[in-house]
Amino acid sequence: MIFDTSIWVGLASGQMPSQAVLKAAGDEQVYISAISLGELSFGVESCSDPATRMLRIRSFRSLQQRPVLDVSSLTASAFGILAAFMKQSGRSPRTRVNDIWIAAQAMENDYALLTANLKDFEGLPGLRVSCP
């Protein structure tokens, strides 16, 4: 199972109940996407409050220790299919680029995707997505 960036942010901020996330994941191995690591790194680097920045750094370092899914040529192919599908469905893929990459990784590896933002992924063919 891949956790979307929204899950990692929710857990780190305390806004996402960890018990709900653990229940949703069940016994599945949990992965973090390299794309999520990039988004979280941006959150660290763009934070101007020193106390908040330190909390984000600690959380980020902890997440770097988790199993990471990298982007492959198969991910890129799945990304192209999903982005084209979104465009053909009348939705702009440009506003959800990172979400599409994460969805492509889930599809490539036949993993479910756990997110706090179901709407970001609705209607993507072949994607198993859930919310805690």
Protein backbone atom coordinates (compact mmCIF):
# COMPACT_ATOMS: atom_id res chain seq x y z
CA MET A 1 0.00 0.00 0.00
CA ILE A 2 1.18 3.50 -0.81
CA PHE A 3 0.28 6.37 1.47
CA ASP A 4 -0.41 9.61 -0.38
CA THR A 5 1.40 12.71 0.87
CA SER A 6 -1.82 13.87 2.54
CA ILE A 7 -1.65 10.87 4.91
CA TRP A 8 1.97 11.55 5.90
CA VAL A 9 1.19 15.25 6.49
CA GLY A 10 -1.92 14.39 8.48
CA LEU A 11 -0.03 11.94 10.68
CA ALA A 12 2.86 14.35 11.29
CA SER A 13 0.53 17.23 12.16
CA GLY A 14 -1.72 15.14 14.38
CA GLN A 15 -4.74 15.94 12.19
CA MET A 16 -5.00 12.33 11.01
CA PRO A 17 -5.81 9.75 13.70
CA SER A 18 -3.04 7.15 13.57
CA GLN A 19 -5.42 4.36 14.63
CA ALA A 20 -7.63 5.03 11.59
CA VAL A 21 -4.61 4.89 9.29
CA LEU A 22 -3.31 1.67 10.88
CA LYS A 23 -6.75 0.10 10.53
CA ALA A 24 -6.98 1.12 6.87
CA ALA A 25 -3.51 -0.29 6.11
CA GLY A 26 -4.22 -3.57 7.85
CA ASP A 27 -1.38 -6.05 7.39
CA GLU A 28 -0.14 -4.55 4.12
CA GLN A 29 3.43 -3.31 3.72
CA VAL A 30 3.38 0.51 3.60
CA TYR A 31 5.48 2.48 1.12
CA ILE A 32 6.25 6.13 0.63
CA SER A 33 6.59 7.50 -2.87
CA ALA A 34 9.72 9.36 -3.92
CA ILE A 35 7.23 11.97 -5.15
CA SER A 36 5.85 12.36 -1.62
CA LEU A 37 9.39 12.74 -0.31
CA GLY A 38 9.87 15.59 -2.78
CA GLU A 39 6.65 17.28 -1.67
CA LEU A 40 7.59 16.88 1.99
CA SER A 41 11.11 18.19 1.34
CA PHE A 42 9.54 21.27 -0.22
CA GLY A 43 7.46 21.69 2.94
CA VAL A 44 10.64 21.61 5.03
CA GLU A 45 12.62 23.95 2.79
CA SER A 46 9.84 26.52 2.42
CA CYS A 47 9.02 26.73 6.14
CA SER A 48 10.13 30.02 7.70
CA ASP A 49 9.16 29.25 11.31
CA PRO A 50 12.20 27.64 13.03
CA ALA A 51 10.19 25.50 15.47
CA THR A 52 7.86 24.18 12.79
CA ARG A 53 10.80 23.61 10.46
CA MET A 54 12.55 21.44 13.09
CA LEU A 55 9.42 19.34 13.54
CA ARG A 56 9.16 18.88 9.79
CA ILE A 57 12.82 17.94 9.50
CA ARG A 58 12.43 15.25 12.18
CA SER A 59 9.33 13.86 10.50
CA PHE A 60 11.00 13.96 7.07
CA ARG A 61 14.10 12.11 8.29
CA SER A 62 11.90 9.46 9.87
CA LEU A 63 9.97 8.98 6.62
CA GLN A 64 13.19 8.64 4.64
CA GLN A 65 13.77 5.39 6.57
CA ARG A 66 10.57 3.82 5.21
CA PRO A 67 10.51 1.67 2.07
CA VAL A 68 10.57 4.13 -0.86
CA LEU A 69 9.05 3.57 -4.29
CA ASP A 70 11.12 5.18 -6.99
CA VAL A 71 9.90 6.31 -10.41
CA SER A 72 10.66 3.90 -13.26
CA SER A 73 10.01 3.85 -17.00
CA LEU A 74 6.89 1.78 -16.25
CA THR A 75 5.74 4.48 -13.84
CA ALA A 76 6.24 7.02 -16.61
CA SER A 77 4.08 4.96 -18.98
CA ALA A 78 1.32 4.64 -16.39
CA PHE A 79 1.59 8.39 -15.71
CA GLY A 80 1.04 9.14 -19.42
CA ILE A 81 -2.03 6.91 -19.54
CA LEU A 82 -3.54 8.46 -16.41
CA ALA A 83 -2.79 12.06 -17.42
CA ALA A 84 -4.32 11.47 -20.86
CA PHE A 85 -7.37 9.88 -19.25
CA MET A 86 -7.83 12.92 -17.00
CA LYS A 87 -7.55 15.28 -19.96
CA GLN A 88 -10.00 13.22 -22.03
CA SER A 89 -12.39 13.28 -19.06
CA GLY A 90 -12.36 17.08 -19.04
CA ARG A 91 -10.10 17.43 -15.98
CA SER A 92 -6.78 19.22 -16.10
CA PRO A 93 -3.89 16.90 -15.22
CA ARG A 94 -1.63 19.92 -14.65
CA THR A 95 -3.09 20.75 -11.25
CA ARG A 96 -2.67 17.16 -9.99
CA VAL A 97 0.69 16.18 -11.50
CA ASN A 98 2.20 14.79 -8.30
CA ASP A 99 -1.00 12.90 -7.48
CA ILE A 100 -0.94 11.31 -10.94
CA TRP A 101 2.68 10.21 -10.42
CA ILE A 102 1.78 8.60 -7.08
CA ALA A 103 -1.28 6.92 -8.63
CA ALA A 104 0.94 5.64 -11.45
CA GLN A 105 3.30 4.08 -8.92
CA ALA A 106 0.37 2.38 -7.20
CA MET A 107 -0.86 0.99 -10.50
CA GLU A 108 2.59 -0.12 -11.63
CA ASN A 109 3.09 -2.12 -8.43
CA ASP A 110 -0.55 -3.20 -8.03
CA TYR A 111 -0.74 -1.47 -4.65
CA ALA A 112 -3.72 0.22 -3.07
CA LEU A 113 -3.42 3.96 -2.42
CA LEU A 114 -4.48 5.49 0.89
CA THR A 115 -5.31 9.20 0.74
CA ALA A 116 -7.15 11.87 2.67
CA ASN A 117 -8.20 13.40 -0.68
CA LEU A 118 -10.31 10.84 -2.54
CA LYS A 119 -11.51 13.47 -5.00
CA ASP A 120 -7.95 13.94 -6.32
CA PHE A 121 -7.96 10.33 -7.54
CA GLU A 122 -11.60 9.66 -8.39
CA GLY A 123 -12.31 7.98 -11.69
CA LEU A 124 -8.72 6.95 -12.44
CA PRO A 125 -8.99 3.56 -14.15
CA GLY A 126 -7.40 0.57 -12.46
CA LEU A 127 -6.55 2.42 -9.25
CA ARG A 128 -7.58 0.99 -5.89
CA VAL A 129 -7.93 4.01 -3.62
CA SER A 130 -9.33 4.43 -0.14
CA CYS A 131 -9.56 6.92 2.69
CA PRO A 132 -9.05 6.16 6.40
